[in-house]
PDB file of N, CA and C in Angstrom:
ATOM      1  N   MET A   1      11.262 -19.617 -23.542  1.00  0.00           N
ATOM      2  CA  MET A   1      10.254 -18.828 -22.882  1.00  0.00           C
ATOM      3  C   MET A   1      10.976 -17.734 -22.093  1.00  0.00           C
ATOM      4  N   ASN A   2      10.450 -16.550 -22.155  1.00  0.00           N
ATOM      5  CA  ASN A   2      10.972 -15.443 -21.366  1.00  0.00           C
ATOM      6  C   ASN A   2       9.971 -15.100 -20.278  1.00  0.00           C
ATOM      7  N   ILE A   3      10.486 -14.896 -19.081  1.00  0.00           N
ATOM      8  CA  ILE A   3       9.640 -14.505 -17.962  1.00  0.00           C
ATOM      9  C   ILE A   3      10.176 -13.187 -17.424  1.00  0.00           C
ATOM     10  N   ASP A   4       9.320 -12.181 -17.364  1.00  0.00           N
ATOM     11  CA  ASP A   4       9.707 -10.883 -16.830  1.00  0.00           C
ATOM     12  C   ASP A   4       9.185 -10.765 -15.404  1.00  0.00           C
ATOM     13  N   ILE A   5      10.071 -10.383 -14.509  1.00  0.00           N
ATOM     14  CA  ILE A   5       9.680 -10.136 -13.123  1.00  0.00           C
ATOM     15  C   ILE A   5       9.477  -8.636 -12.985  1.00  0.00           C
ATOM     16  N   GLN A   6       8.248  -8.239 -12.723  1.00  0.00           N
ATOM     17  CA  GLN A   6       7.910  -6.824 -12.654  1.00  0.00           C
ATOM     18  C   GLN A   6       8.212  -6.217 -11.282  1.00  0.00           C
ATOM     19  N   ASN A   7       8.162  -7.014 -10.245  1.00  0.00           N
ATOM     20  CA  ASN A   7       8.366  -6.541  -8.882  1.00  0.00           C
ATOM     21  C   ASN A   7       9.863  -6.392  -8.600  1.00  0.00           C
ATOM     22  N   PRO A   8      10.350  -5.155  -8.377  1.00  0.00           N
ATOM     23  CA  PRO A   8      11.788  -4.948  -8.152  1.00  0.00           C
ATOM     24  C   PRO A   8      12.318  -5.677  -6.912  1.00  0.00           C
ATOM     25  N   GLU A   9      11.497  -5.798  -5.869  1.00  0.00           N
ATOM     26  CA  GLU A   9      11.939  -6.500  -4.672  1.00  0.00           C
ATOM     27  C   GLU A   9      12.137  -7.983  -4.947  1.00  0.00           C
ATOM     28  N   LEU A  10      11.250  -8.554  -5.757  1.00  0.00           N
ATOM     29  CA  LEU A  10      11.381  -9.964  -6.122  1.00  0.00           C
ATOM     30  C   LEU A  10      12.610 -10.170  -7.011  1.00  0.00           C
ATOM     31  N   GLN A  11      12.854  -9.231  -7.913  1.00  0.00           N
ATOM     32  CA  GLN A  11      14.057  -9.303  -8.757  1.00  0.00           C
ATOM     33  C   GLN A  11      15.303  -9.339  -7.883  1.00  0.00           C
ATOM     34  N   GLN A  12      15.334  -8.498  -6.860  1.00  0.00           N
ATOM     35  CA  GLN A  12      16.495  -8.441  -5.972  1.00  0.00           C
ATOM     36  C   GLN A  12      16.637  -9.732  -5.176  1.00  0.00           C
ATOM     37  N   ARG A  13      15.521 -10.303  -4.730  1.00  0.00           N
ATOM     38  CA  ARG A  13      15.586 -11.578  -3.997  1.00  0.00           C
ATOM     39  C   ARG A  13      16.178 -12.680  -4.861  1.00  0.00           C
ATOM     40  N   VAL A  14      15.776 -12.714  -6.134  1.00  0.00           N
ATOM     41  CA  VAL A  14      16.302 -13.728  -7.054  1.00  0.00           C
ATOM     42  C   VAL A  14      17.799 -13.521  -7.243  1.00  0.00           C
ATOM     43  N   ARG A  15      18.203 -12.272  -7.478  1.00  0.00           N
ATOM     44  CA  ARG A  15      19.634 -11.974  -7.650  1.00  0.00           C
ATOM     45  C   ARG A  15      20.431 -12.374  -6.401  1.00  0.00           C
ATOM     46  N   ASP A  16      19.902 -12.045  -5.227  1.00  0.00           N
ATOM     47  CA  ASP A  16      20.595 -12.371  -3.979  1.00  0.00           C
ATOM     48  C   ASP A  16      20.786 -13.869  -3.818  1.00  0.00           C
ATOM     49  N   GLN A  17      19.757 -14.646  -4.115  1.00  0.00           N
ATOM     50  CA  GLN A  17      19.848 -16.103  -3.977  1.00  0.00           C
ATOM     51  C   GLN A  17      20.912 -16.677  -4.917  1.00  0.00           C
ATOM     52  N   ILE A  18      20.991 -16.149  -6.119  1.00  0.00           N
ATOM     53  CA  ILE A  18      21.973 -16.647  -7.093  1.00  0.00           C
ATOM     54  C   ILE A  18      23.382 -16.203  -6.689  1.00  0.00           C
ATOM     55  N   GLN A  19      23.526 -14.950  -6.233  1.00  0.00           N
ATOM     56  CA  GLN A  19      24.843 -14.441  -5.835  1.00  0.00           C
ATOM     57  C   GLN A  19      25.379 -15.160  -4.597  1.00  0.00           C
ATOM     58  N   ARG A  20      24.493 -15.566  -3.687  1.00  0.00           N
ATOM     59  CA  ARG A  20      24.914 -16.293  -2.485  1.00  0.00           C
ATOM     60  C   ARG A  20      25.319 -17.726  -2.793  1.00  0.00           C
ATOM     61  N   GLY A  21      25.010 -18.168  -3.994  1.00  0.00           N
ATOM     62  CA  GLY A  21      25.358 -19.532  -4.367  1.00  0.00           C
ATOM     63  C   GLY A  21      24.295 -20.553  -4.012  1.00  0.00           C
ATOM     64  N   GLN A  22      23.133 -20.069  -3.549  1.00  0.00           N
ATOM     65  CA  GLN A  22      22.045 -20.991  -3.242  1.00  0.00           C
ATOM     66  C   GLN A  22      21.603 -21.726  -4.509  1.00  0.00           C
ATOM     67  N   PHE A  23      21.610 -21.015  -5.613  1.00  0.00           N
ATOM     68  CA  PHE A  23      21.208 -21.566  -6.912  1.00  0.00           C
ATOM     69  C   PHE A  23      22.204 -21.080  -7.956  1.00  0.00           C
ATOM     70  N   HIS A  24      22.377 -21.875  -8.998  1.00  0.00           N
ATOM     71  CA  HIS A  24      23.310 -21.499 -10.063  1.00  0.00           C
ATOM     72  C   HIS A  24      22.673 -20.567 -11.090  1.00  0.00           C
ATOM     73  N   ASN A  25      21.364 -20.696 -11.257  1.00  0.00           N
ATOM     74  CA  ASN A  25      20.679 -19.846 -12.229  1.00  0.00           C
ATOM     75  C   ASN A  25      19.189 -19.770 -11.872  1.00  0.00           C
ATOM     76  N   VAL A  26      18.468 -18.961 -12.623  1.00  0.00           N
ATOM     77  CA  VAL A  26      17.040 -18.756 -12.363  1.00  0.00           C
ATOM     78  C   VAL A  26      16.253 -20.045 -12.593  1.00  0.00           C
ATOM     79  N   ASP A  27      16.653 -20.832 -13.574  1.00  0.00           N
ATOM     80  CA  ASP A  27      15.955 -22.097 -13.846  1.00  0.00           C
ATOM     81  C   ASP A  27      15.978 -23.015 -12.616  1.00  0.00           C
ATOM     82  N   GLU A  28      17.150 -23.115 -11.989  1.00  0.00           N
ATOM     83  CA  GLU A  28      17.273 -23.975 -10.817  1.00  0.00           C
ATOM     84  C   GLU A  28      16.426 -23.436  -9.659  1.00  0.00           C
ATOM     85  N   LEU A  29      16.422 -22.116  -9.482  1.00  0.00           N
ATOM     86  CA  LEU A  29      15.624 -21.501  -8.428  1.00  0.00           C
ATOM     87  C   LEU A  29      14.140 -21.780  -8.632  1.00  0.00           C
ATOM     88  N   LEU A  30      13.656 -21.598  -9.844  1.00  0.00           N
ATOM     89  CA  LEU A  30      12.243 -21.849 -10.142  1.00  0.00           C
ATOM     90  C   LEU A  30      11.890 -23.323  -9.964  1.00  0.00           C
ATOM     91  N   GLU A  31      12.787 -24.199 -10.388  1.00  0.00           N
ATOM     92  CA  GLU A  31      12.525 -25.634 -10.251  1.00  0.00           C
ATOM     93  C   GLU A  31      12.382 -26.021  -8.774  1.00  0.00           C
ATOM     94  N   LYS A  32      13.292 -25.530  -7.941  1.00  0.00           N
ATOM     95  CA  LYS A  32      13.222 -25.844  -6.507  1.00  0.00           C
ATOM     96  C   LYS A  32      11.968 -25.247  -5.869  1.00  0.00           C
ATOM     97  N   ALA A  33      11.618 -24.031  -6.260  1.00  0.00           N
ATOM     98  CA  ALA A  33      10.426 -23.387  -5.698  1.00  0.00           C
ATOM     99  C   ALA A  33       9.167 -24.149  -6.087  1.00  0.00           C
ATOM    100  N   LEU A  34       9.063 -24.554  -7.342  1.00  0.00           N
ATOM    101  CA  LEU A  34       7.880 -25.286  -7.796  1.00  0.00           C
ATOM    102  C   LEU A  34       7.814 -26.679  -7.168  1.00  0.00           C
ATOM    103  N   ASP A  35       8.971 -27.328  -7.017  1.00  0.00           N
ATOM    104  CA  ASP A  35       8.995 -28.639  -6.354  1.00  0.00           C
ATOM    105  C   ASP A  35       8.507 -28.521  -4.914  1.00  0.00           C
ATOM    106  N   ALA A  36       8.966 -27.475  -4.214  1.00  0.00           N
ATOM    107  CA  ALA A  36       8.556 -27.273  -2.829  1.00  0.00           C
ATOM    108  C   ALA A  36       7.056 -27.002  -2.736  1.00  0.00           C
ATOM    109  N   LEU A  37       6.535 -26.239  -3.673  1.00  0.00           N
ATOM    110  CA  LEU A  37       5.104 -25.941  -3.680  1.00  0.00           C
ATOM    111  C   LEU A  37       4.281 -27.201  -3.915  1.00  0.00           C
ATOM    112  N   GLU A  38       4.695 -28.026  -4.870  1.00  0.00           N
ATOM    113  CA  GLU A  38       3.978 -29.268  -5.142  1.00  0.00           C
ATOM    114  C   GLU A  38       4.045 -30.220  -3.947  1.00  0.00           C
ATOM    115  N   GLU A  39       5.204 -30.279  -3.284  1.00  0.00           N
ATOM    116  CA  GLU A  39       5.350 -31.151  -2.124  1.00  0.00           C
ATOM    117  C   GLU A  39       4.468 -30.670  -0.980  1.00  0.00           C
ATOM    118  N   LYS A  40       4.409 -29.376  -0.795  1.00  0.00           N
ATOM    119  CA  LYS A  40       3.580 -28.812   0.276  1.00  0.00           C
ATOM    120  C   LYS A  40       2.110 -29.123   0.034  1.00  0.00           C
ATOM    121  N   ARG A  41       1.664 -29.027  -1.200  1.00  0.00           N
ATOM    122  CA  ARG A  41       0.262 -29.324  -1.525  1.00  0.00           C
ATOM    123  C   ARG A  41      -0.047 -30.803  -1.367  1.00  0.00           C
ATOM    124  N   ALA A  42       0.912 -31.660  -1.674  1.00  0.00           N
ATOM    125  CA  ALA A  42       0.689 -33.102  -1.587  1.00  0.00           C
ATOM    126  C   ALA A  42       0.609 -33.560  -0.134  1.00  0.00           C
ATOM    127  N   VAL A  43       1.282 -32.870   0.774  1.00  0.00           N
ATOM    128  CA  VAL A  43       1.338 -33.274   2.163  1.00  0.00           C
ATOM    129  C   VAL A  43       0.328 -32.514   3.012  1.00  0.00           C
ATOM    130  N   ALA A  44      -0.382 -31.568   2.431  1.00  0.00           N
ATOM    131  CA  ALA A  44      -1.317 -30.736   3.191  1.00  0.00           C
ATOM    132  C   ALA A  44      -2.356 -31.611   3.893  1.00  0.00           C
ATOM    133  N   PRO A  45      -2.549 -31.394   5.185  1.00  0.00           N
ATOM    134  CA  PRO A  45      -3.523 -32.214   5.925  1.00  0.00           C
ATOM    135  C   PRO A  45      -4.955 -31.861   5.517  1.00  0.00           C
ATOM    136  N   ALA A  46      -5.810 -32.833   5.661  1.00  0.00           N
ATOM    137  CA  ALA A  46      -7.225 -32.602   5.365  1.00  0.00           C
ATOM    138  C   ALA A  46      -7.796 -31.640   6.407  1.00  0.00           C
ATOM    139  N   PRO A  47      -8.760 -30.827   6.002  1.00  0.00           N
ATOM    140  CA  PRO A  47      -9.350 -29.909   6.976  1.00  0.00           C
ATOM    141  C   PRO A  47      -9.962 -30.675   8.145  1.00  0.00           C
ATOM    142  N   ARG A  48      -9.777 -30.145   9.336  1.00  0.00           N
ATOM    143  CA  ARG A  48     -10.283 -30.831  10.532  1.00  0.00           C
ATOM    144  C   ARG A  48     -11.677 -30.350  10.890  1.00  0.00           C
ATOM    145  N   ARG A  49     -12.479 -31.287  11.347  1.00  0.00           N
ATOM    146  CA  ARG A  49     -13.840 -30.981  11.776  1.00  0.00           C
ATOM    147  C   ARG A  49     -13.785 -30.563  13.239  1.00  0.00           C
ATOM    148  N   PRO A  50     -14.497 -29.513  13.603  1.00  0.00           N
ATOM    149  CA  PRO A  50     -14.509 -29.107  15.013  1.00  0.00           C
ATOM    150  C   PRO A  50     -15.003 -30.245  15.906  1.00  0.00           C
ATOM    151  N   ALA A  51     -14.512 -30.270  17.125  1.00  0.00           N
ATOM    152  CA  ALA A  51     -14.891 -31.326  18.071  1.00  0.00           C
ATOM    153  C   ALA A  51     -16.400 -31.323  18.291  1.00  0.00           C
ATOM    154  N   GLY A  52     -16.974 -32.494  18.306  1.00  0.00           N
ATOM    155  CA  GLY A  52     -18.411 -32.619  18.541  1.00  0.00           C
ATOM    156  C   GLY A  52     -19.257 -32.519  17.288  1.00  0.00           C
ATOM    157  N   ARG A  53     -18.650 -32.223  16.155  1.00  0.00           N
ATOM    158  CA  ARG A  53     -19.410 -32.119  14.900  1.00  0.00           C
ATOM    159  C   ARG A  53     -19.285 -33.422  14.139  1.00  0.00           C
ATOM    160  N   LYS A  54     -20.390 -33.891  13.579  1.00  0.00           N
ATOM    161  CA  LYS A  54     -20.398 -35.137  12.824  1.00  0.00           C
ATOM    162  C   LYS A  54     -20.171 -34.852  11.341  1.00  0.00           C
ATOM    163  N   SER A  55     -19.642 -35.845  10.654  1.00  0.00           N
ATOM    164  CA  SER A  55     -19.545 -35.741   9.207  1.00  0.00           C
ATOM    165  C   SER A  55     -20.946 -35.965   8.633  1.00  0.00           C
ATOM    166  N   LEU A  56     -21.127 -35.639   7.375  1.00  0.00           N
ATOM    167  CA  LEU A  56     -22.429 -35.825   6.740  1.00  0.00           C
ATOM    168  C   LEU A  56     -22.822 -37.304   6.739  1.00  0.00           C
ATOM    169  N   ALA A  57     -21.851 -38.178   6.512  1.00  0.00           N
ATOM    170  CA  ALA A  57     -22.134 -39.622   6.520  1.00  0.00           C
ATOM    171  C   ALA A  57     -22.588 -40.076   7.906  1.00  0.00           C
ATOM    172  N   GLN A  58     -21.930 -39.565   8.962  1.00  0.00           N
ATOM    173  CA  GLN A  58     -22.331 -39.926  10.321  1.00  0.00           C
ATOM    174  C   GLN A  58     -23.714 -39.378  10.646  1.00  0.00           C
ATOM    175  N   LEU A  59     -23.991 -38.188  10.184  1.00  0.00           N
ATOM    176  CA  LEU A  59     -25.293 -37.577  10.435  1.00  0.00           C
ATOM    177  C   LEU A  59     -26.421 -38.442   9.862  1.00  0.00           C
ATOM    178  N   PHE A  60     -26.258 -38.888   8.622  1.00  0.00           N
ATOM    179  CA  PHE A  60     -27.286 -39.729   8.013  1.00  0.00           C
ATOM    180  C   PHE A  60     -27.338 -41.117   8.647  1.00  0.00           C
ATOM    181  N   ALA A  61     -26.187 -41.661   9.033  1.00  0.00           N
ATOM    182  CA  ALA A  61     -26.164 -42.991   9.648  1.00  0.00           C
ATOM    183  C   ALA A  61     -26.869 -42.992  11.005  1.00  0.00           C
ATOM    184  N   ASP A  62     -26.759 -41.883  11.742  1.00  0.00           N
ATOM    185  CA  ASP A  62     -27.368 -41.790  13.070  1.00  0.00           C
ATOM    186  C   ASP A  62     -28.739 -41.123  13.056  1.00  0.00           C
ATOM    187  N   SER A  63     -29.294 -40.894  11.889  1.00  0.00           N
ATOM    188  CA  SER A  63     -30.555 -40.176  11.768  1.00  0.00           C
ATOM    189  C   SER A  63     -31.713 -40.939  12.423  1.00  0.00           C
ATOM    190  N   PRO A  64     -32.588 -40.225  13.122  1.00  0.00           N
ATOM    191  CA  PRO A  64     -33.758 -40.896  13.702  1.00  0.00           C
ATOM    192  C   PRO A  64     -34.747 -41.349  12.627  1.00  0.00           C
ATOM    193  N   PHE A  65     -34.605 -40.836  11.420  1.00  0.00           N
ATOM    194  CA  PHE A  65     -35.496 -41.219  10.320  1.00  0.00           C
ATOM    195  C   PHE A  65     -34.994 -42.446   9.569  1.00  0.00           C
ATOM    196  N   LYS A  66     -33.825 -42.961   9.970  1.00  0.00           N
ATOM    197  CA  LYS A  66     -33.239 -44.116   9.301  1.00  0.00           C
ATOM    198  C   LYS A  66     -34.186 -45.315   9.417  1.00  0.00           C
ATOM    199  N   GLY A  67     -34.469 -45.962   8.296  1.00  0.00           N
ATOM    200  CA  GLY A  67     -35.311 -47.153   8.296  1.00  0.00           C
ATOM    201  C   GLY A  67     -36.789 -46.863   8.135  1.00  0.00           C
ATOM    202  N   LEU A  68     -37.196 -45.598   8.116  1.00  0.00           N
ATOM    203  CA  LEU A  68     -38.618 -45.282   7.966  1.00  0.00           C
ATOM    204  C   LEU A  68     -39.057 -45.238   6.506  1.00  0.00           C
ATOM    205  N   GLU A  69     -38.087 -45.331   5.622  1.00  0.00           N
ATOM    206  CA  GLU A  69     -38.349 -45.321   4.175  1.00  0.00           C
ATOM    207  C   GLU A  69     -39.205 -44.127   3.754  1.00  0.00           C
ATOM    208  N   ILE A  70     -38.845 -42.965   4.243  1.00  0.00           N
ATOM    209  CA  ILE A  70     -39.542 -41.731   3.874  1.00  0.00           C
ATOM    210  C   ILE A  70     -39.051 -41.288   2.498  1.00  0.00           C
ATOM    211  N   ASP A  71     -39.988 -40.904   1.643  1.00  0.00           N
ATOM    212  CA  ASP A  71     -39.650 -40.455   0.291  1.00  0.00           C
ATOM    213  C   ASP A  71     -39.560 -38.928   0.294  1.00  0.00           C
ATOM    214  N   PHE A  72     -38.347 -38.417   0.148  1.00  0.00           N
ATOM    215  CA  PHE A  72     -38.133 -36.973   0.159  1.00  0.00           C
ATOM    216  C   PHE A  72     -38.076 -36.390  -1.254  1.00  0.00           C
ATOM    217  N   GLU A  73     -38.398 -37.167  -2.238  1.00  0.00           N
ATOM    218  CA  GLU A  73     -38.331 -36.697  -3.622  1.00  0.00           C
ATOM    219  C   GLU A  73     -39.480 -35.738  -3.914  1.00  0.00           C
ATOM    220  N   ARG A  74     -39.176 -34.689  -4.645  1.00  0.00           N
ATOM    221  CA  ARG A  74     -40.193 -33.694  -4.989  1.00  0.00           C
ATOM    222  C   ARG A  74     -40.917 -34.104  -6.262  1.00  0.00           C
ATOM    223  N   ASP A  75     -42.142 -33.638  -6.376  1.00  0.00           N
ATOM    224  CA  ASP A  75     -42.863 -33.830  -7.627  1.00  0.00           C
ATOM    225  C   ASP A  75     -42.240 -32.922  -8.670  1.00  0.00           C
ATOM    226  N   PRO A  76     -42.120 -33.419  -9.905  1.00  0.00           N
ATOM    227  CA  PRO A  76     -41.507 -32.586 -10.930  1.00  0.00           C
ATOM    228  C   PRO A  76     -42.378 -31.350 -11.219  1.00  0.00           C
ATOM    229  N   ASP A  77     -41.730 -30.229 -11.426  1.00  0.00           N
ATOM    230  CA  ASP A  77     -42.433 -28.998 -11.734  1.00  0.00           C
ATOM    231  C   ASP A  77     -42.674 -28.959 -13.246  1.00  0.00           C
ATOM    232  N   CYS A  78     -43.928 -29.004 -13.638  1.00  0.00           N
ATOM    233  CA  CYS A  78     -44.266 -28.998 -15.071  1.00  0.00           C
ATOM    234  C   CYS A  78     -44.485 -27.595 -15.588  1.00  0.00           C
ATOM    235  N   GLY A  79     -44.324 -26.607 -14.751  1.00  0.00           N
ATOM    236  CA  GLY A  79     -44.545 -25.239 -15.185  1.00  0.00           C
ATOM    237  C   GLY A  79     -46.030 -24.938 -15.185  1.00  0.00           C
ATOM    238  N   ARG A  80     -46.387 -23.789 -15.676  1.00  0.00           N
ATOM    239  CA  ARG A  80     -47.811 -23.443 -15.739  1.00  0.00           C
ATOM    240  C   ARG A  80     -48.238 -23.278 -17.191  1.00  0.00           C
ATOM    241  N   ASP A  81     -49.511 -23.451 -17.413  1.00  0.00           N
ATOM    242  CA  ASP A  81     -50.028 -23.337 -18.764  1.00  0.00           C
ATOM    243  C   ASP A  81     -49.956 -21.887 -19.229  1.00  0.00           C
ATOM    244  N   VAL A  82     -49.537 -21.732 -20.466  1.00  0.00           N
ATOM    245  CA  VAL A  82     -49.460 -20.389 -21.046  1.00  0.00           C
ATOM    246  C   VAL A  82     -50.397 -20.361 -22.248  1.00  0.00           C
ATOM    247  N   LYS A  83     -51.326 -19.451 -22.231  1.00  0.00           N
ATOM    248  CA  LYS A  83     -52.248 -19.321 -23.371  1.00  0.00           C
ATOM    249  C   LYS A  83     -51.703 -18.287 -24.312  1.00  0.00           C
ATOM    250  N   LEU A  84     -51.584 -18.684 -25.561  1.00  0.00           N
ATOM    251  CA  LEU A  84     -51.076 -17.765 -26.576  1.00  0.00           C
ATOM    252  C   LEU A  84     -52.174 -17.225 -27.435  1.00  0.00           C
TER     253      LEU A  84
END
């Protein structure tokens, strides 16, 4: 597989990293970059809920309508009659 880097600044960054001895070749650089990206995504914390806000499960559990057995289901829409 051939990969072309179109951005000249990125090309220079890759060359600099290899010349400094950080990596032996482009394959090693890409492997380390992709590993770091996957690790960062795996460790990413779950989004935090603002203080005082309930989750959807808590909202329904604490609902004043809990236990009233209210039916919120809609009647099916059968459409309207069309005369041809």
